[in-house]
Amino acid sequence: MKISDFAQKTGVSADTVRYYERIGLLPRAGRDASGHRDYGEGDLVWMAFLQRLRKTGMSIRDMTRYAVLRDEGDTTLQARRDMLTAHRKTVRDQLTELRHSLTALDQKIRIYDAMIIQEKDPQND
């Protein structure tokens, strides 16, 4: 598929796709008979994984390091696993913090709800 189709299916711009290729996150795409980039289904799967890493806060630098390890093959399985395990811990810690923050927000909203109801109560006049 052409870069425009690939960009549309992945939800990123063609510029981002080119950038990811340039820094080594995406392998260089093959070329069709006209010399245009030609992406396959495997590229879509890989990009989806990269997007998940990015959404969970992994830095571009770490993503690039992971991509390099991936390109090196099965001899890097343990290193890749270790990277993902460490990142998973970071994500879990962030989720815990977010849960605590969400609880605090919910409590504050309940306080405001009670205050608003009390303010609207005609017996308060």
PDB file of N, CA and C in Angstrom:
ATOM      1  N   MET A   1       0.843  -1.177   0.000  1.00  0.00           N
ATOM      2  CA  MET A   1       0.000   0.000   0.000  1.00  0.00           C
ATOM      3  C   MET A   1       0.885   1.235   0.000  1.00  0.00           C
ATOM      4  N   LYS A   2       0.378   2.297  -0.590  1.00  0.00           N
ATOM      5  CA  LYS A   2       1.119   3.547  -0.685  1.00  0.00           C
ATOM      6  C   LYS A   2       1.159   4.237   0.671  1.00  0.00           C
ATOM      7  N   ILE A   3       2.068   5.188   0.790  1.00  0.00           N
ATOM      8  CA  ILE A   3       2.253   5.878   2.061  1.00  0.00           C
ATOM      9  C   ILE A   3       0.979   6.593   2.509  1.00  0.00           C
ATOM     10  N   SER A   4       0.219   7.137   1.585  1.00  0.00           N
ATOM     11  CA  SER A   4      -1.016   7.832   1.961  1.00  0.00           C
ATOM     12  C   SER A   4      -2.023   6.858   2.568  1.00  0.00           C
ATOM     13  N   ASP A   5      -2.124   5.658   1.991  1.00  0.00           N
ATOM     14  CA  ASP A   5      -3.027   4.637   2.539  1.00  0.00           C
ATOM     15  C   ASP A   5      -2.533   4.149   3.896  1.00  0.00           C
ATOM     16  N   PHE A   6      -1.231   3.948   3.978  1.00  0.00           N
ATOM     17  CA  PHE A   6      -0.626   3.502   5.234  1.00  0.00           C
ATOM     18  C   PHE A   6      -0.867   4.538   6.330  1.00  0.00           C
ATOM     19  N   ALA A   7      -0.645   5.796   5.994  1.00  0.00           N
ATOM     20  CA  ALA A   7      -0.862   6.874   6.965  1.00  0.00           C
ATOM     21  C   ALA A   7      -2.318   6.911   7.410  1.00  0.00           C
ATOM     22  N   GLN A   8      -3.218   6.775   6.465  1.00  0.00           N
ATOM     23  CA  GLN A   8      -4.644   6.807   6.809  1.00  0.00           C
ATOM     24  C   GLN A   8      -5.021   5.631   7.708  1.00  0.00           C
ATOM     25  N   LYS A   9      -4.547   4.445   7.386  1.00  0.00           N
ATOM     26  CA  LYS A   9      -4.891   3.257   8.183  1.00  0.00           C
ATOM     27  C   LYS A   9      -4.300   3.300   9.585  1.00  0.00           C
ATOM     28  N   THR A  10      -3.154   3.949   9.721  1.00  0.00           N
ATOM     29  CA  THR A  10      -2.504   3.994  11.036  1.00  0.00           C
ATOM     30  C   THR A  10      -2.872   5.246  11.827  1.00  0.00           C
ATOM     31  N   GLY A  11      -3.460   6.225  11.151  1.00  0.00           N
ATOM     32  CA  GLY A  11      -3.851   7.446  11.836  1.00  0.00           C
ATOM     33  C   GLY A  11      -2.716   8.411  12.099  1.00  0.00           C
ATOM     34  N   VAL A  12      -1.616   8.247  11.392  1.00  0.00           N
ATOM     35  CA  VAL A  12      -0.498   9.187  11.509  1.00  0.00           C
ATOM     36  C   VAL A  12      -0.284   9.853  10.164  1.00  0.00           C
ATOM     37  N   SER A  13       0.420  10.942  10.172  1.00  0.00           N
ATOM     38  CA  SER A  13       0.668  11.656   8.919  1.00  0.00           C
ATOM     39  C   SER A  13       1.754  10.958   8.110  1.00  0.00           C
ATOM     40  N   ALA A  14       1.761  11.231   6.827  1.00  0.00           N
ATOM     41  CA  ALA A  14       2.812  10.689   5.964  1.00  0.00           C
ATOM     42  C   ALA A  14       4.174  11.202   6.424  1.00  0.00           C
ATOM     43  N   ASP A  15       4.225  12.437   6.923  1.00  0.00           N
ATOM     44  CA  ASP A  15       5.486  12.979   7.440  1.00  0.00           C
ATOM     45  C   ASP A  15       5.994  12.161   8.627  1.00  0.00           C
ATOM     46  N   THR A  16       5.066  11.748   9.495  1.00  0.00           N
ATOM     47  CA  THR A  16       5.461  10.923  10.640  1.00  0.00           C
ATOM     48  C   THR A  16       5.980   9.579  10.167  1.00  0.00           C
ATOM     49  N   VAL A  17       5.338   8.995   9.183  1.00  0.00           N
ATOM     50  CA  VAL A  17       5.795   7.716   8.631  1.00  0.00           C
ATOM     51  C   VAL A  17       7.220   7.870   8.091  1.00  0.00           C
ATOM     52  N   ARG A  18       7.454   8.927   7.333  1.00  0.00           N
ATOM     53  CA  ARG A  18       8.810   9.161   6.792  1.00  0.00           C
ATOM     54  C   ARG A  18       9.810   9.369   7.927  1.00  0.00           C
ATOM     55  N   TYR A  19       9.412  10.116   8.952  1.00  0.00           N
ATOM     56  CA  TYR A  19      10.286  10.355  10.108  1.00  0.00           C
ATOM     57  C   TYR A  19      10.619   9.036  10.799  1.00  0.00           C
ATOM     58  N   TYR A  20       9.611   8.212  11.030  1.00  0.00           N
ATOM     59  CA  TYR A  20       9.847   6.913  11.670  1.00  0.00           C
ATOM     60  C   TYR A  20      10.795   6.062  10.835  1.00  0.00           C
ATOM     61  N   GLU A  21      10.690   6.131   9.526  1.00  0.00           N
ATOM     62  CA  GLU A  21      11.643   5.411   8.666  1.00  0.00           C
ATOM     63  C   GLU A  21      13.041   5.977   8.835  1.00  0.00           C
ATOM     64  N   ARG A  22      13.131   7.300   8.814  1.00  0.00           N
ATOM     65  CA  ARG A  22      14.436   7.963   8.868  1.00  0.00           C
ATOM     66  C   ARG A  22      15.189   7.634  10.158  1.00  0.00           C
ATOM     67  N   ILE A  23      14.461   7.539  11.289  1.00  0.00           N
ATOM     68  CA  ILE A  23      15.154   7.273  12.565  1.00  0.00           C
ATOM     69  C   ILE A  23      15.252   5.787  12.885  1.00  0.00           C
ATOM     70  N   GLY A  24      14.705   4.950  12.005  1.00  0.00           N
ATOM     71  CA  GLY A  24      14.858   3.511  12.182  1.00  0.00           C
ATOM     72  C   GLY A  24      13.737   2.815  12.932  1.00  0.00           C
ATOM     73  N   LEU A  25      12.647   3.525  13.226  1.00  0.00           N
ATOM     74  CA  LEU A  25      11.519   2.867  13.888  1.00  0.00           C
ATOM     75  C   LEU A  25      10.762   1.965  12.920  1.00  0.00           C
ATOM     76  N   LEU A  26      10.609   2.431  11.718  1.00  0.00           N
ATOM     77  CA  LEU A  26       9.991   1.621  10.667  1.00  0.00           C
ATOM     78  C   LEU A  26      11.085   1.189   9.706  1.00  0.00           C
ATOM     79  N   PRO A  27      11.037  -0.064   9.285  1.00  0.00           N
ATOM     80  CA  PRO A  27      12.013  -0.459   8.268  1.00  0.00           C
ATOM     81  C   PRO A  27      11.735   0.297   6.968  1.00  0.00           C
ATOM     82  N   ARG A  28      12.766   0.497   6.191  1.00  0.00           N
ATOM     83  CA  ARG A  28      12.575   1.148   4.901  1.00  0.00           C
ATOM     84  C   ARG A  28      11.581   0.346   4.085  1.00  0.00           C
ATOM     85  N   ALA A  29      10.584   1.023   3.586  1.00  0.00           N
ATOM     86  CA  ALA A  29       9.551   0.350   2.808  1.00  0.00           C
ATOM     87  C   ALA A  29      10.117  -0.083   1.462  1.00  0.00           C
ATOM     88  N   GLY A  30       9.578  -1.190   0.989  1.00  0.00           N
ATOM     89  CA  GLY A  30       9.915  -1.591  -0.365  1.00  0.00           C
ATOM     90  C   GLY A  30       9.344  -0.571  -1.337  1.00  0.00           C
ATOM     91  N   ARG A  31       9.712  -0.700  -2.579  1.00  0.00           N
ATOM     92  CA  ARG A  31       9.235   0.230  -3.594  1.00  0.00           C
ATOM     93  C   ARG A  31       8.459  -0.532  -4.657  1.00  0.00           C
ATOM     94  N   ASP A  32       7.401   0.112  -5.146  1.00  0.00           N
ATOM     95  CA  ASP A  32       6.640  -0.502  -6.232  1.00  0.00           C
ATOM     96  C   ASP A  32       7.323  -0.177  -7.567  1.00  0.00           C
ATOM     97  N   ALA A  33       6.710  -0.587  -8.658  1.00  0.00           N
ATOM     98  CA  ALA A  33       7.305  -0.395  -9.987  1.00  0.00           C
ATOM     99  C   ALA A  33       7.517   1.082 -10.311  1.00  0.00           C
ATOM    100  N   SER A  34       6.707   1.941  -9.721  1.00  0.00           N
ATOM    101  CA  SER A  34       6.825   3.383  -9.963  1.00  0.00           C
ATOM    102  C   SER A  34       7.830   4.047  -9.022  1.00  0.00           C
ATOM    103  N   GLY A  35       8.386   3.277  -8.101  1.00  0.00           N
ATOM    104  CA  GLY A  35       9.346   3.827  -7.154  1.00  0.00           C
ATOM    105  C   GLY A  35       8.721   4.396  -5.893  1.00  0.00           C
ATOM    106  N   HIS A  36       7.404   4.213  -5.735  1.00  0.00           N
ATOM    107  CA  HIS A  36       6.719   4.698  -4.533  1.00  0.00           C
ATOM    108  C   HIS A  36       6.838   3.675  -3.413  1.00  0.00           C
ATOM    109  N   ARG A  37       6.839   4.187  -2.181  1.00  0.00           N
ATOM    110  CA  ARG A  37       6.880   3.283  -1.033  1.00  0.00           C
ATOM    111  C   ARG A  37       5.715   2.304  -1.107  1.00  0.00           C
ATOM    112  N   ASP A  38       5.991   1.071  -0.662  1.00  0.00           N
ATOM    113  CA  ASP A  38       4.972   0.016  -0.704  1.00  0.00           C
ATOM    114  C   ASP A  38       4.992  -0.718   0.638  1.00  0.00           C
ATOM    115  N   TYR A  39       3.985  -0.428   1.463  1.00  0.00           N
ATOM    116  CA  TYR A  39       3.912  -1.015   2.796  1.00  0.00           C
ATOM    117  C   TYR A  39       3.029  -2.255   2.780  1.00  0.00           C
ATOM    118  N   GLY A  40       3.354  -3.190   3.661  1.00  0.00           N
ATOM    119  CA  GLY A  40       2.579  -4.413   3.770  1.00  0.00           C
ATOM    120  C   GLY A  40       1.846  -4.513   5.095  1.00  0.00           C
ATOM    121  N   GLU A  41       1.128  -5.603   5.252  1.00  0.00           N
ATOM    122  CA  GLU A  41       0.359  -5.834   6.484  1.00  0.00           C
ATOM    123  C   GLU A  41       1.263  -5.897   7.707  1.00  0.00           C
ATOM    124  N   GLY A  42       2.438  -6.474   7.558  1.00  0.00           N
ATOM    125  CA  GLY A  42       3.381  -6.535   8.673  1.00  0.00           C
ATOM    126  C   GLY A  42       3.776  -5.163   9.171  1.00  0.00           C
ATOM    127  N   ASP A  43       3.881  -4.220   8.253  1.00  0.00           N
ATOM    128  CA  ASP A  43       4.201  -2.844   8.635  1.00  0.00           C
ATOM    129  C   ASP A  43       3.073  -2.227   9.457  1.00  0.00           C
ATOM    130  N   LEU A  44       1.835  -2.569   9.107  1.00  0.00           N
ATOM    131  CA  LEU A  44       0.684  -2.074   9.874  1.00  0.00           C
ATOM    132  C   LEU A  44       0.707  -2.609  11.305  1.00  0.00           C
ATOM    133  N   VAL A  45       1.006  -3.897  11.428  1.00  0.00           N
ATOM    134  CA  VAL A  45       1.062  -4.518  12.761  1.00  0.00           C
ATOM    135  C   VAL A  45       2.172  -3.882  13.592  1.00  0.00           C
ATOM    136  N   TRP A  46       3.328  -3.683  12.986  1.00  0.00           N
ATOM    137  CA  TRP A  46       4.453  -3.079  13.692  1.00  0.00           C
ATOM    138  C   TRP A  46       4.133  -1.641  14.104  1.00  0.00           C
ATOM    139  N   MET A  47       3.520  -0.880  13.202  1.00  0.00           N
ATOM    140  CA  MET A  47       3.168   0.504  13.520  1.00  0.00           C
ATOM    141  C   MET A  47       2.148   0.550  14.661  1.00  0.00           C
ATOM    142  N   ALA A  48       1.199  -0.373  14.666  1.00  0.00           N
ATOM    143  CA  ALA A  48       0.212  -0.418  15.751  1.00  0.00           C
ATOM    144  C   ALA A  48       0.915  -0.648  17.091  1.00  0.00           C
ATOM    145  N   PHE A  49       1.921  -1.521  17.091  1.00  0.00           N
ATOM    146  CA  PHE A  49       2.663  -1.777  18.322  1.00  0.00           C
ATOM    147  C   PHE A  49       3.450  -0.530  18.736  1.00  0.00           C
ATOM    148  N   LEU A  50       4.084   0.129  17.782  1.00  0.00           N
ATOM    149  CA  LEU A  50       4.813   1.358  18.087  1.00  0.00           C
ATOM    150  C   LEU A  50       3.878   2.409  18.682  1.00  0.00           C
ATOM    151  N   GLN A  51       2.676   2.504  18.134  1.00  0.00           N
ATOM    152  CA  GLN A  51       1.713   3.472  18.648  1.00  0.00           C
ATOM    153  C   GLN A  51       1.309   3.138  20.081  1.00  0.00           C
ATOM    154  N   ARG A  52       1.184   1.862  20.381  1.00  0.00           N
ATOM    155  CA  ARG A  52       0.863   1.469  21.761  1.00  0.00           C
ATOM    156  C   ARG A  52       2.003   1.840  22.703  1.00  0.00           C
ATOM    157  N   LEU A  53       3.229   1.592  22.274  1.00  0.00           N
ATOM    158  CA  LEU A  53       4.370   1.974  23.104  1.00  0.00           C
ATOM    159  C   LEU A  53       4.369   3.472  23.351  1.00  0.00           C
ATOM    160  N   ARG A  54       4.108   4.237  22.305  1.00  0.00           N
ATOM    161  CA  ARG A  54       4.110   5.693  22.423  1.00  0.00           C
ATOM    162  C   ARG A  54       2.996   6.171  23.349  1.00  0.00           C
ATOM    163  N   LYS A  55       1.806   5.582  23.200  1.00  0.00           N
ATOM    164  CA  LYS A  55       0.672   5.975  24.043  1.00  0.00           C
ATOM    165  C   LYS A  55       0.910   5.652  25.511  1.00  0.00           C
ATOM    166  N   THR A  56       1.753   4.664  25.771  1.00  0.00           N
ATOM    167  CA  THR A  56       2.054   4.326  27.159  1.00  0.00           C
ATOM    168  C   THR A  56       3.258   5.105  27.682  1.00  0.00           C
ATOM    169  N   GLY A  57       3.738   6.045  26.875  1.00  0.00           N
ATOM    170  CA  GLY A  57       4.779   6.936  27.359  1.00  0.00           C
ATOM    171  C   GLY A  57       6.203   6.527  27.054  1.00  0.00           C
ATOM    172  N   MET A  58       6.394   5.493  26.266  1.00  0.00           N
ATOM    173  CA  MET A  58       7.772   5.121  25.936  1.00  0.00           C
ATOM    174  C   MET A  58       8.375   6.216  25.055  1.00  0.00           C
ATOM    175  N   SER A  59       9.601   6.565  25.348  1.00  0.00           N
ATOM    176  CA  SER A  59      10.269   7.611  24.587  1.00  0.00           C
ATOM    177  C   SER A  59      10.627   7.100  23.187  1.00  0.00           C
ATOM    178  N   ILE A  60      10.767   8.033  22.280  1.00  0.00           N
ATOM    179  CA  ILE A  60      11.202   7.689  20.916  1.00  0.00           C
ATOM    180  C   ILE A  60      12.565   7.011  20.975  1.00  0.00           C
ATOM    181  N   ARG A  61      13.418   7.491  21.857  1.00  0.00           N
ATOM    182  CA  ARG A  61      14.763   6.902  21.988  1.00  0.00           C
ATOM    183  C   ARG A  61      14.668   5.423  22.377  1.00  0.00           C
ATOM    184  N   ASP A  62      13.818   5.101  23.368  1.00  0.00           N
ATOM    185  CA  ASP A  62      13.667   3.705  23.784  1.00  0.00           C
ATOM    186  C   ASP A  62      12.974   2.883  22.697  1.00  0.00           C
ATOM    187  N   MET A  63      12.013   3.486  22.022  1.00  0.00           N
ATOM    188  CA  MET A  63      11.355   2.773  20.923  1.00  0.00           C
ATOM    189  C   MET A  63      12.366   2.438  19.829  1.00  0.00           C
ATOM    190  N   THR A  64      13.251   3.367  19.539  1.00  0.00           N
ATOM    191  CA  THR A  64      14.282   3.141  18.521  1.00  0.00           C
ATOM    192  C   THR A  64      15.236   2.039  18.969  1.00  0.00           C
ATOM    193  N   ARG A  65      15.596   2.061  20.240  1.00  0.00           N
ATOM    194  CA  ARG A  65      16.462   1.012  20.782  1.00  0.00           C
ATOM    195  C   ARG A  65      15.785  -0.353  20.647  1.00  0.00           C
ATOM    196  N   TYR A  66      14.497  -0.393  20.960  1.00  0.00           N
ATOM    197  CA  TYR A  66      13.735  -1.633  20.824  1.00  0.00           C
ATOM    198  C   TYR A  66      13.700  -2.087  19.364  1.00  0.00           C
ATOM    199  N   ALA A  67      13.482  -1.154  18.446  1.00  0.00           N
ATOM    200  CA  ALA A  67      13.436  -1.490  17.020  1.00  0.00           C
ATOM    201  C   ALA A  67      14.771  -2.047  16.538  1.00  0.00           C
ATOM    202  N   VAL A  68      15.858  -1.475  17.019  1.00  0.00           N
ATOM    203  CA  VAL A  68      17.186  -1.979  16.645  1.00  0.00           C
ATOM    204  C   VAL A  68      17.348  -3.411  17.132  1.00  0.00           C
ATOM    205  N   LEU A  69      16.954  -3.655  18.380  1.00  0.00           N
ATOM    206  CA  LEU A  69      17.033  -5.015  18.926  1.00  0.00           C
ATOM    207  C   LEU A  69      16.177  -5.973  18.108  1.00  0.00           C
ATOM    208  N   ARG A  70      14.998  -5.538  17.748  1.00  0.00           N
ATOM    209  CA  ARG A  70      14.087  -6.363  16.938  1.00  0.00           C
ATOM    210  C   ARG A  70      14.741  -6.729  15.609  1.00  0.00           C
ATOM    211  N   ASP A  71      15.381  -5.748  14.988  1.00  0.00           N
ATOM    212  CA  ASP A  71      16.041  -5.986  13.702  1.00  0.00           C
ATOM    213  C   ASP A  71      17.216  -6.954  13.825  1.00  0.00           C
ATOM    214  N   GLU A  72      17.799  -7.027  15.016  1.00  0.00           N
ATOM    215  CA  GLU A  72      18.937  -7.927  15.223  1.00  0.00           C
ATOM    216  C   GLU A  72      18.517  -9.383  15.351  1.00  0.00           C
ATOM    217  N   GLY A  73      17.253  -9.629  15.544  1.00  0.00           N
ATOM    218  CA  GLY A  73      16.753 -11.005  15.530  1.00  0.00           C
ATOM    219  C   GLY A  73      16.615 -11.637  16.904  1.00  0.00           C
ATOM    220  N   ASP A  74      16.469 -12.952  16.871  1.00  0.00           N
ATOM    221  CA  ASP A  74      16.140 -13.718  18.071  1.00  0.00           C
ATOM    222  C   ASP A  74      17.207 -13.691  19.154  1.00  0.00           C
ATOM    223  N   THR A  75      18.423 -13.317  18.823  1.00  0.00           N
ATOM    224  CA  THR A  75      19.458 -13.252  19.863  1.00  0.00           C
ATOM    225  C   THR A  75      19.172 -12.135  20.865  1.00  0.00           C
ATOM    226  N   THR A  76      18.215 -11.270  20.540  1.00  0.00           N
ATOM    227  CA  THR A  76      17.892 -10.139  21.426  1.00  0.00           C
ATOM    228  C   THR A  76      16.556 -10.329  22.144  1.00  0.00           C
ATOM    229  N   LEU A  77      16.019 -11.524  22.086  1.00  0.00           N
ATOM    230  CA  LEU A  77      14.717 -11.761  22.714  1.00  0.00           C
ATOM    231  C   LEU A  77      14.708 -11.360  24.188  1.00  0.00           C
ATOM    232  N   GLN A  78      15.724 -11.765  24.926  1.00  0.00           N
ATOM    233  CA  GLN A  78      15.771 -11.452  26.362  1.00  0.00           C
ATOM    234  C   GLN A  78      15.872  -9.949  26.591  1.00  0.00           C
ATOM    235  N   ALA A  79      16.681  -9.276  25.803  1.00  0.00           N
ATOM    236  CA  ALA A  79      16.829  -7.827  25.953  1.00  0.00           C
ATOM    237  C   ALA A  79      15.512  -7.111  25.655  1.00  0.00           C
ATOM    238  N   ARG A  80      14.811  -7.557  24.619  1.00  0.00           N
ATOM    239  CA  ARG A  80      13.518  -6.951  24.296  1.00  0.00           C
ATOM    240  C   ARG A  80      12.504  -7.227  25.397  1.00  0.00           C
ATOM    241  N   ARG A  81      12.511  -8.452  25.901  1.00  0.00           N
ATOM    242  CA  ARG A  81      11.602  -8.797  26.992  1.00  0.00           C
ATOM    243  C   ARG A  81      11.889  -7.924  28.208  1.00  0.00           C
ATOM    244  N   ASP A  82      13.176  -7.756  28.526  1.00  0.00           N
ATOM    245  CA  ASP A  82      13.564  -6.937  29.674  1.00  0.00           C
ATOM    246  C   ASP A  82      13.100  -5.485  29.505  1.00  0.00           C
ATOM    247  N   MET A  83      13.241  -4.964  28.290  1.00  0.00           N
ATOM    248  CA  MET A  83      12.777  -3.591  28.027  1.00  0.00           C
ATOM    249  C   MET A  83      11.279  -3.462  28.260  1.00  0.00           C
ATOM    250  N   LEU A  84      10.536  -4.420  27.715  1.00  0.00           N
ATOM    251  CA  LEU A  84       9.078  -4.355  27.855  1.00  0.00           C
ATOM    252  C   LEU A  84       8.645  -4.579  29.293  1.00  0.00           C
ATOM    253  N   THR A  85       9.338  -5.439  30.007  1.00  0.00           N
ATOM    254  CA  THR A  85       9.020  -5.675  31.419  1.00  0.00           C
ATOM    255  C   THR A  85       9.245  -4.401  32.235  1.00  0.00           C
ATOM    256  N   ALA A  86      10.345  -3.718  31.989  1.00  0.00           N
ATOM    257  CA  ALA A  86      10.626  -2.470  32.707  1.00  0.00           C
ATOM    258  C   ALA A  86       9.587  -1.408  32.352  1.00  0.00           C
ATOM    259  N   HIS A  87       9.237  -1.335  31.082  1.00  0.00           N
ATOM    260  CA  HIS A  87       8.243  -0.345  30.662  1.00  0.00           C
ATOM    261  C   HIS A  87       6.877  -0.677  31.258  1.00  0.00           C
ATOM    262  N   ARG A  88       6.559  -1.960  31.318  1.00  0.00           N
ATOM    263  CA  ARG A  88       5.290  -2.400  31.913  1.00  0.00           C
ATOM    264  C   ARG A  88       5.191  -1.943  33.366  1.00  0.00           C
ATOM    265  N   LYS A  89       6.287  -2.050  34.100  1.00  0.00           N
ATOM    266  CA  LYS A  89       6.294  -1.597  35.496  1.00  0.00           C
ATOM    267  C   LYS A  89       6.036  -0.092  35.569  1.00  0.00           C
ATOM    268  N   THR A  90       6.657   0.655  34.694  1.00  0.00           N
ATOM    269  CA  THR A  90       6.440   2.099  34.648  1.00  0.00           C
ATOM    270  C   THR A  90       4.974   2.411  34.373  1.00  0.00           C
ATOM    271  N   VAL A  91       4.385   1.706  33.418  1.00  0.00           N
ATOM    272  CA  VAL A  91       2.975   1.928  33.074  1.00  0.00           C
ATOM    273  C   VAL A  91       2.080   1.565  34.255  1.00  0.00           C
ATOM    274  N   ARG A  92       2.369   0.451  34.921  1.00  0.00           N
ATOM    275  CA  ARG A  92       1.580   0.065  36.096  1.00  0.00           C
ATOM    276  C   ARG A  92       1.667   1.121  37.193  1.00  0.00           C
ATOM    277  N   ASP A  93       2.862   1.637  37.416  1.00  0.00           N
ATOM    278  CA  ASP A  93       3.032   2.688  38.429  1.00  0.00           C
ATOM    279  C   ASP A  93       2.223   3.933  38.052  1.00  0.00           C
ATOM    280  N   GLN A  94       2.236   4.284  36.775  1.00  0.00           N
ATOM    281  CA  GLN A  94       1.461   5.434  36.311  1.00  0.00           C
ATOM    282  C   GLN A  94      -0.037   5.188  36.493  1.00  0.00           C
ATOM    283  N   LEU A  95      -0.481   3.969  36.213  1.00  0.00           N
ATOM    284  CA  LEU A  95      -1.891   3.635  36.396  1.00  0.00           C
ATOM    285  C   LEU A  95      -2.303   3.757  37.857  1.00  0.00           C
ATOM    286  N   THR A  96      -1.450   3.324  38.747  1.00  0.00           N
ATOM    287  CA  THR A  96      -1.730   3.448  40.175  1.00  0.00           C
ATOM    288  C   THR A  96      -1.888   4.907  40.557  1.00  0.00           C
ATOM    289  N   GLU A  97      -0.972   5.743  40.092  1.00  0.00           N
ATOM    290  CA  GLU A  97      -1.056   7.179  40.376  1.00  0.00           C
ATOM    291  C   GLU A  97      -2.320   7.786  39.776  1.00  0.00           C
ATOM    292  N   LEU A  98      -2.657   7.383  38.568  1.00  0.00           N
ATOM    293  CA  LEU A  98      -3.876   7.897  37.934  1.00  0.00           C
ATOM    294  C   LEU A  98      -5.123   7.473  38.699  1.00  0.00           C
ATOM    295  N   ARG A  99      -5.135   6.226  39.199  1.00  0.00           N
ATOM    296  CA  ARG A  99      -6.285   5.766  39.994  1.00  0.00           C
ATOM    297  C   ARG A  99      -6.445   6.614  41.253  1.00  0.00           C
ATOM    298  N   HIS A 100      -5.320   6.912  41.916  1.00  0.00           N
ATOM    299  CA  HIS A 100      -5.370   7.756  43.116  1.00  0.00           C
ATOM    300  C   HIS A 100      -5.874   9.155  42.763  1.00  0.00           C
ATOM    301  N   SER A 101      -5.402   9.682  41.664  1.00  0.00           N
ATOM    302  CA  SER A 101      -5.845  11.014  41.232  1.00  0.00           C
ATOM    303  C   SER A 101      -7.318  11.002  40.864  1.00  0.00           C
ATOM    304  N   LEU A 102      -7.768   9.956  40.206  1.00  0.00           N
ATOM    305  CA  LEU A 102      -9.180   9.843  39.847  1.00  0.00           C
ATOM    306  C   LEU A 102     -10.057   9.772  41.096  1.00  0.00           C
ATOM    307  N   THR A 103      -9.614   9.034  42.094  1.00  0.00           N
ATOM    308  CA  THR A 103     -10.350   8.957  43.355  1.00  0.00           C
ATOM    309  C   THR A 103     -10.460  10.337  43.991  1.00  0.00           C
ATOM    310  N   ALA A 104      -9.366  11.082  43.986  1.00  0.00           N
ATOM    311  CA  ALA A 104      -9.387  12.434  44.551  1.00  0.00           C
ATOM    312  C   ALA A 104     -10.346  13.333  43.776  1.00  0.00           C
ATOM    313  N   LEU A 105     -10.346  13.226  42.469  1.00  0.00           N
ATOM    314  CA  LEU A 105     -11.278  14.015  41.655  1.00  0.00           C
ATOM    315  C   LEU A 105     -12.727  13.642  41.960  1.00  0.00           C
ATOM    316  N   ASP A 106     -12.993  12.349  42.043  1.00  0.00           N
ATOM    317  CA  ASP A 106     -14.358  11.896  42.353  1.00  0.00           C
ATOM    318  C   ASP A 106     -14.821  12.427  43.703  1.00  0.00           C
ATOM    319  N   GLN A 107     -13.934  12.403  44.685  1.00  0.00           N
ATOM    320  CA  GLN A 107     -14.291  12.920  46.004  1.00  0.00           C
ATOM    321  C   GLN A 107     -14.604  14.407  45.948  1.00  0.00           C
ATOM    322  N   LYS A 108     -13.802  15.161  45.238  1.00  0.00           N
ATOM    323  CA  LYS A 108     -14.023  16.600  45.126  1.00  0.00           C
ATOM    324  C   LYS A 108     -15.331  16.888  44.392  1.00  0.00           C
ATOM    325  N   ILE A 109     -15.620  16.138  43.349  1.00  0.00           N
ATOM    326  CA  ILE A 109     -16.881  16.315  42.614  1.00  0.00           C
ATOM    327  C   ILE A 109     -18.069  16.030  43.522  1.00  0.00           C
ATOM    328  N   ARG A 110     -17.978  14.982  44.345  1.00  0.00           N
ATOM    329  CA  ARG A 110     -19.065  14.675  45.277  1.00  0.00           C
ATOM    330  C   ARG A 110     -19.272  15.823  46.273  1.00  0.00           C
ATOM    331  N   ILE A 111     -18.203  16.413  46.725  1.00  0.00           N
ATOM    332  CA  ILE A 111     -18.306  17.553  47.636  1.00  0.00           C
ATOM    333  C   ILE A 111     -19.032  18.709  46.950  1.00  0.00           C
ATOM    334  N   TYR A 112     -18.639  19.009  45.707  1.00  0.00           N
ATOM    335  CA  TYR A 112     -19.302  20.087  44.966  1.00  0.00           C
ATOM    336  C   TYR A 112     -20.770  19.764  44.718  1.00  0.00           C
ATOM    337  N   ASP A 113     -21.049  18.508  44.362  1.00  0.00           N
ATOM    338  CA  ASP A 113     -22.445  18.107  44.149  1.00  0.00           C
ATOM    339  C   ASP A 113     -23.269  18.355  45.407  1.00  0.00           C
ATOM    340  N   ALA A 114     -22.733  17.969  46.562  1.00  0.00           N
ATOM    341  CA  ALA A 114     -23.454  18.165  47.825  1.00  0.00           C
ATOM    342  C   ALA A 114     -23.651  19.650  48.113  1.00  0.00           C
ATOM    343  N   MET A 115     -22.632  20.440  47.834  1.00  0.00           N
ATOM    344  CA  MET A 115     -22.732  21.881  48.078  1.00  0.00           C
ATOM    345  C   MET A 115     -23.759  22.514  47.137  1.00  0.00           C
ATOM    346  N   ILE A 116     -23.791  22.078  45.897  1.00  0.00           N
ATOM    347  CA  ILE A 116     -24.744  22.629  44.925  1.00  0.00           C
ATOM    348  C   ILE A 116     -26.168  22.250  45.308  1.00  0.00           C
ATOM    349  N   ILE A 117     -26.369  20.999  45.701  1.00  0.00           N
ATOM    350  CA  ILE A 117     -27.705  20.558  46.126  1.00  0.00           C
ATOM    351  C   ILE A 117     -28.150  21.348  47.348  1.00  0.00           C
ATOM    352  N   GLN A 118     -27.247  21.543  48.298  1.00  0.00           N
ATOM    353  CA  GLN A 118     -27.577  22.289  49.510  1.00  0.00           C
ATOM    354  C   GLN A 118     -27.930  23.743  49.174  1.00  0.00           C
ATOM    355  N   GLU A 119     -27.221  24.312  48.206  1.00  0.00           N
ATOM    356  CA  GLU A 119     -27.477  25.690  47.790  1.00  0.00           C
ATOM    357  C   GLU A 119     -28.844  25.831  47.136  1.00  0.00           C
ATOM    358  N   LYS A 120     -29.281  24.803  46.415  1.00  0.00           N
ATOM    359  CA  LYS A 120     -30.567  24.829  45.727  1.00  0.00           C
ATOM    360  C   LYS A 120     -31.745  24.474  46.640  1.00  0.00           C
ATOM    361  N   ASP A 121     -31.443  23.945  47.795  1.00  0.00           N
ATOM    362  CA  ASP A 121     -32.499  23.533  48.727  1.00  0.00           C
ATOM    363  C   ASP A 121     -33.243  24.753  49.245  1.00  0.00           C
ATOM    364  N   PRO A 122     -34.570  24.867  48.978  1.00  0.00           N
ATOM    365  CA  PRO A 122     -35.317  26.051  49.413  1.00  0.00           C
ATOM    366  C   PRO A 122     -35.351  26.209  50.928  1.00  0.00           C
ATOM    367  N   GLN A 123     -35.094  25.173  51.682  1.00  0.00           N
ATOM    368  CA  GLN A 123     -35.123  25.288  53.147  1.00  0.00           C
ATOM    369  C   GLN A 123     -33.908  26.051  53.660  1.00  0.00           C
ATOM    370  N   ASN A 124     -32.918  26.271  52.797  1.00  0.00           N
ATOM    371  CA  ASN A 124     -31.725  27.015  53.195  1.00  0.00           C
ATOM    372  C   ASN A 124     -31.959  28.513  53.185  1.00  0.00           C
ATOM    373  N   ASP A 125     -33.097  28.974  52.684  1.00  0.00           N
ATOM    374  CA  ASP A 125     -33.373  30.415  52.579  1.00  0.00           C
ATOM    375  C   ASP A 125     -33.786  31.021  53.894  1.00  0.00           C
TER     376      ASP A 125
END
